[in-house]
Amino acid sequence: MRVLIEAIHIIVGLFAALLIAALSSWAYPLGRDDIWLVTYVAMAAVVVMGIGPLRRALAEDRATLANSKGGTDSDG
């Protein structure tokens, strides 16, 4: 479940960058190329910064699954 949440955070960040870029390039057409260049760099940064939390979430989910398979479910 944690992996899904982290993936959703990355996807929302990408959509937010796209929305900001679309509105910015519409509002300032002369800077359209520069706006999209910065947007692509920002989108790459969002993905790179999301890798660490995604890997930690994957490790936590695997640990939770390993505990539940062993019969030591701590949820009750």
N, C-alpha and C. Protein backbone atom coordinates (compact mmCIF):
# COMPACT_ATOMS: atom_id res chain seq x y z
N MET A 1 0.81 -1.19 0.00
CA MET A 1 0.00 0.00 0.00
C MET A 1 0.87 1.26 0.00
N ARG A 2 1.98 1.21 0.73
CA ARG A 2 2.86 2.38 0.78
C ARG A 2 3.45 2.70 -0.59
N VAL A 3 3.73 1.66 -1.35
CA VAL A 3 4.30 1.86 -2.69
C VAL A 3 3.28 2.58 -3.58
N LEU A 4 2.04 2.19 -3.47
CA LEU A 4 0.99 2.84 -4.26
C LEU A 4 0.87 4.31 -3.89
N ILE A 5 0.94 4.62 -2.62
CA ILE A 5 0.84 6.01 -2.18
C ILE A 5 2.01 6.83 -2.72
N GLU A 6 3.22 6.28 -2.64
CA GLU A 6 4.39 7.00 -3.16
C GLU A 6 4.31 7.19 -4.67
N ALA A 7 3.82 6.16 -5.38
CA ALA A 7 3.67 6.28 -6.83
C ALA A 7 2.64 7.35 -7.17
N ILE A 8 1.57 7.42 -6.39
CA ILE A 8 0.56 8.45 -6.62
C ILE A 8 1.15 9.83 -6.38
N HIS A 9 2.01 9.97 -5.37
CA HIS A 9 2.66 11.26 -5.13
C HIS A 9 3.49 11.70 -6.33
N ILE A 10 4.21 10.76 -6.92
CA ILE A 10 5.02 11.08 -8.09
C ILE A 10 4.12 11.50 -9.26
N ILE A 11 3.07 10.75 -9.48
CA ILE A 11 2.16 11.05 -10.59
C ILE A 11 1.49 12.41 -10.41
N VAL A 12 1.08 12.71 -9.19
CA VAL A 12 0.45 14.01 -8.91
C VAL A 12 1.46 15.13 -9.15
N GLY A 13 2.72 14.91 -8.76
CA GLY A 13 3.75 15.92 -9.01
C GLY A 13 3.96 16.17 -10.49
N LEU A 14 3.93 15.10 -11.28
CA LEU A 14 4.09 15.25 -12.72
C LEU A 14 2.92 16.01 -13.34
N PHE A 15 1.70 15.66 -12.91
CA PHE A 15 0.53 16.36 -13.43
C PHE A 15 0.52 17.83 -13.01
N ALA A 16 0.96 18.11 -11.79
CA ALA A 16 1.02 19.51 -11.34
C ALA A 16 2.01 20.30 -12.19
N ALA A 17 3.16 19.70 -12.49
CA ALA A 17 4.14 20.39 -13.33
C ALA A 17 3.57 20.63 -14.73
N LEU A 18 2.87 19.65 -15.27
CA LEU A 18 2.25 19.83 -16.59
C LEU A 18 1.20 20.93 -16.58
N LEU A 19 0.39 20.98 -15.54
CA LEU A 19 -0.63 22.01 -15.45
C LEU A 19 -0.02 23.40 -15.35
N ILE A 20 0.98 23.54 -14.51
CA ILE A 20 1.65 24.83 -14.36
C ILE A 20 2.29 25.25 -15.67
N ALA A 21 2.93 24.31 -16.36
CA ALA A 21 3.57 24.64 -17.63
C ALA A 21 2.55 25.03 -18.69
N ALA A 22 1.45 24.30 -18.75
CA ALA A 22 0.43 24.61 -19.75
C ALA A 22 -0.14 26.01 -19.52
N LEU A 23 -0.44 26.32 -18.26
CA LEU A 23 -0.99 27.64 -17.97
C LEU A 23 0.05 28.74 -18.20
N SER A 24 1.29 28.46 -17.85
CA SER A 24 2.35 29.46 -18.03
C SER A 24 2.62 29.71 -19.50
N SER A 25 2.70 28.66 -20.29
CA SER A 25 2.98 28.85 -21.71
C SER A 25 1.79 29.50 -22.43
N TRP A 26 0.58 29.30 -21.93
CA TRP A 26 -0.57 29.98 -22.48
C TRP A 26 -0.52 31.47 -22.12
N ALA A 27 -0.11 31.77 -20.89
CA ALA A 27 -0.09 33.16 -20.43
C ALA A 27 1.07 33.95 -21.03
N TYR A 28 2.15 33.28 -21.33
CA TYR A 28 3.33 33.98 -21.86
C TYR A 28 3.86 33.22 -23.07
N PRO A 29 3.22 33.38 -24.23
CA PRO A 29 3.58 32.59 -25.41
C PRO A 29 5.01 32.80 -25.90
N LEU A 30 5.60 33.97 -25.65
CA LEU A 30 6.96 34.21 -26.10
C LEU A 30 7.97 33.32 -25.40
N GLY A 31 7.65 32.87 -24.20
CA GLY A 31 8.58 32.03 -23.45
C GLY A 31 8.19 30.57 -23.46
N ARG A 32 7.34 30.18 -24.40
CA ARG A 32 6.83 28.81 -24.43
C ARG A 32 7.93 27.76 -24.44
N ASP A 33 8.94 27.92 -25.27
CA ASP A 33 10.01 26.91 -25.35
C ASP A 33 10.79 26.81 -24.04
N ASP A 34 11.09 27.94 -23.44
CA ASP A 34 11.82 27.94 -22.18
C ASP A 34 10.99 27.35 -21.04
N ILE A 35 9.71 27.68 -21.05
CA ILE A 35 8.82 27.15 -20.01
C ILE A 35 8.78 25.63 -20.08
N TRP A 36 8.65 25.08 -21.28
CA TRP A 36 8.58 23.63 -21.40
C TRP A 36 9.92 22.95 -21.09
N LEU A 37 11.01 23.62 -21.41
CA LEU A 37 12.32 23.06 -21.05
C LEU A 37 12.46 22.96 -19.54
N VAL A 38 12.11 24.01 -18.85
CA VAL A 38 12.18 24.00 -17.38
C VAL A 38 11.22 22.97 -16.81
N THR A 39 10.07 22.83 -17.42
CA THR A 39 9.09 21.84 -16.96
C THR A 39 9.63 20.42 -17.09
N TYR A 40 10.26 20.11 -18.20
CA TYR A 40 10.81 18.76 -18.38
C TYR A 40 11.90 18.48 -17.35
N VAL A 41 12.72 19.47 -17.06
CA VAL A 41 13.76 19.29 -16.04
C VAL A 41 13.12 19.10 -14.67
N ALA A 42 12.09 19.88 -14.36
CA ALA A 42 11.40 19.75 -13.09
C ALA A 42 10.71 18.39 -12.96
N MET A 43 10.15 17.90 -14.06
CA MET A 43 9.50 16.59 -14.03
C MET A 43 10.53 15.48 -13.80
N ALA A 44 11.69 15.61 -14.40
CA ALA A 44 12.75 14.64 -14.16
C ALA A 44 13.18 14.69 -12.69
N ALA A 45 13.25 15.88 -12.13
CA ALA A 45 13.63 16.02 -10.72
C ALA A 45 12.57 15.39 -9.81
N VAL A 46 11.31 15.54 -10.15
CA VAL A 46 10.24 14.92 -9.35
C VAL A 46 10.40 13.41 -9.34
N VAL A 47 10.68 12.83 -10.49
CA VAL A 47 10.85 11.38 -10.57
C VAL A 47 12.08 10.94 -9.79
N VAL A 48 13.20 11.64 -9.97
CA VAL A 48 14.43 11.26 -9.27
C VAL A 48 14.26 11.38 -7.75
N MET A 49 13.61 12.46 -7.31
CA MET A 49 13.41 12.64 -5.87
C MET A 49 12.40 11.65 -5.30
N GLY A 50 11.56 11.08 -6.14
CA GLY A 50 10.58 10.11 -5.68
C GLY A 50 11.11 8.69 -5.59
N ILE A 51 12.28 8.44 -6.15
CA ILE A 51 12.83 7.08 -6.14
C ILE A 51 13.17 6.62 -4.73
N GLY A 52 13.80 7.48 -3.94
CA GLY A 52 14.18 7.11 -2.57
C GLY A 52 12.99 6.72 -1.71
N PRO A 53 11.97 7.58 -1.61
CA PRO A 53 10.79 7.20 -0.83
C PRO A 53 10.07 5.96 -1.39
N LEU A 54 10.11 5.80 -2.70
CA LEU A 54 9.48 4.63 -3.30
C LEU A 54 10.22 3.35 -2.90
N ARG A 55 11.54 3.40 -2.87
CA ARG A 55 12.33 2.22 -2.46
C ARG A 55 12.11 1.91 -0.98
N ARG A 56 12.04 2.95 -0.14
CA ARG A 56 11.79 2.72 1.29
C ARG A 56 10.40 2.13 1.51
N ALA A 57 9.43 2.62 0.76
CA ALA A 57 8.07 2.08 0.88
C ALA A 57 8.02 0.63 0.44
N LEU A 58 8.75 0.30 -0.60
CA LEU A 58 8.81 -1.08 -1.07
C LEU A 58 9.41 -1.99 -0.01
N ALA A 59 10.49 -1.54 0.63
CA ALA A 59 11.12 -2.34 1.69
C ALA A 59 10.17 -2.53 2.87
N GLU A 60 9.44 -1.47 3.25
CA GLU A 60 8.49 -1.58 4.36
C GLU A 60 7.34 -2.52 4.01
N ASP A 61 6.84 -2.44 2.78
CA ASP A 61 5.76 -3.34 2.37
C ASP A 61 6.23 -4.79 2.34
N ARG A 62 7.44 -5.01 1.88
CA ARG A 62 7.97 -6.38 1.88
C ARG A 62 8.13 -6.90 3.30
N ALA A 63 8.59 -6.07 4.20
CA ALA A 63 8.74 -6.49 5.60
C ALA A 63 7.38 -6.80 6.21
N THR A 64 6.38 -6.00 5.90
CA THR A 64 5.04 -6.25 6.41
C THR A 64 4.49 -7.56 5.88
N LEU A 65 4.70 -7.81 4.60
CA LEU A 65 4.23 -9.07 4.01
C LEU A 65 4.96 -10.26 4.60
N ALA A 66 6.25 -10.13 4.84
CA ALA A 66 7.01 -11.23 5.42
C ALA A 66 6.52 -11.53 6.83
N ASN A 67 6.20 -10.50 7.60
CA ASN A 67 5.67 -10.71 8.96
C ASN A 67 4.30 -11.35 8.93
N SER A 68 3.47 -10.95 7.98
CA SER A 68 2.12 -11.52 7.94
C SER A 68 2.13 -12.97 7.45
N LYS A 69 3.08 -13.32 6.61
CA LYS A 69 3.18 -14.72 6.16
C LYS A 69 3.69 -15.62 7.27
N GLY A 70 4.47 -15.07 8.17
CA GLY A 70 5.02 -15.87 9.27
C GLY A 70 4.02 -16.11 10.38
N GLY A 71 2.84 -15.49 10.29
CA GLY A 71 1.82 -15.71 11.30
C GLY A 71 1.92 -14.76 12.47
N THR A 72 2.78 -13.75 12.38
CA THR A 72 2.92 -12.79 13.47
C THR A 72 2.31 -11.46 13.07
N ASP A 73 1.08 -11.50 12.66
CA ASP A 73 0.39 -10.27 12.23
C ASP A 73 0.12 -9.40 13.44
N SER A 74 0.66 -8.20 13.45
CA SER A 74 0.54 -7.33 14.61
C SER A 74 -0.75 -6.52 14.60
N ASP A 75 -1.57 -6.65 13.57
CA ASP A 75 -2.79 -5.86 13.48
C ASP A 75 -3.94 -6.50 14.27
N GLY A 76 -3.80 -7.68 14.68
CA GLY A 76 -4.85 -8.25 15.52
C GLY A 76 -5.36 -9.50 14.98
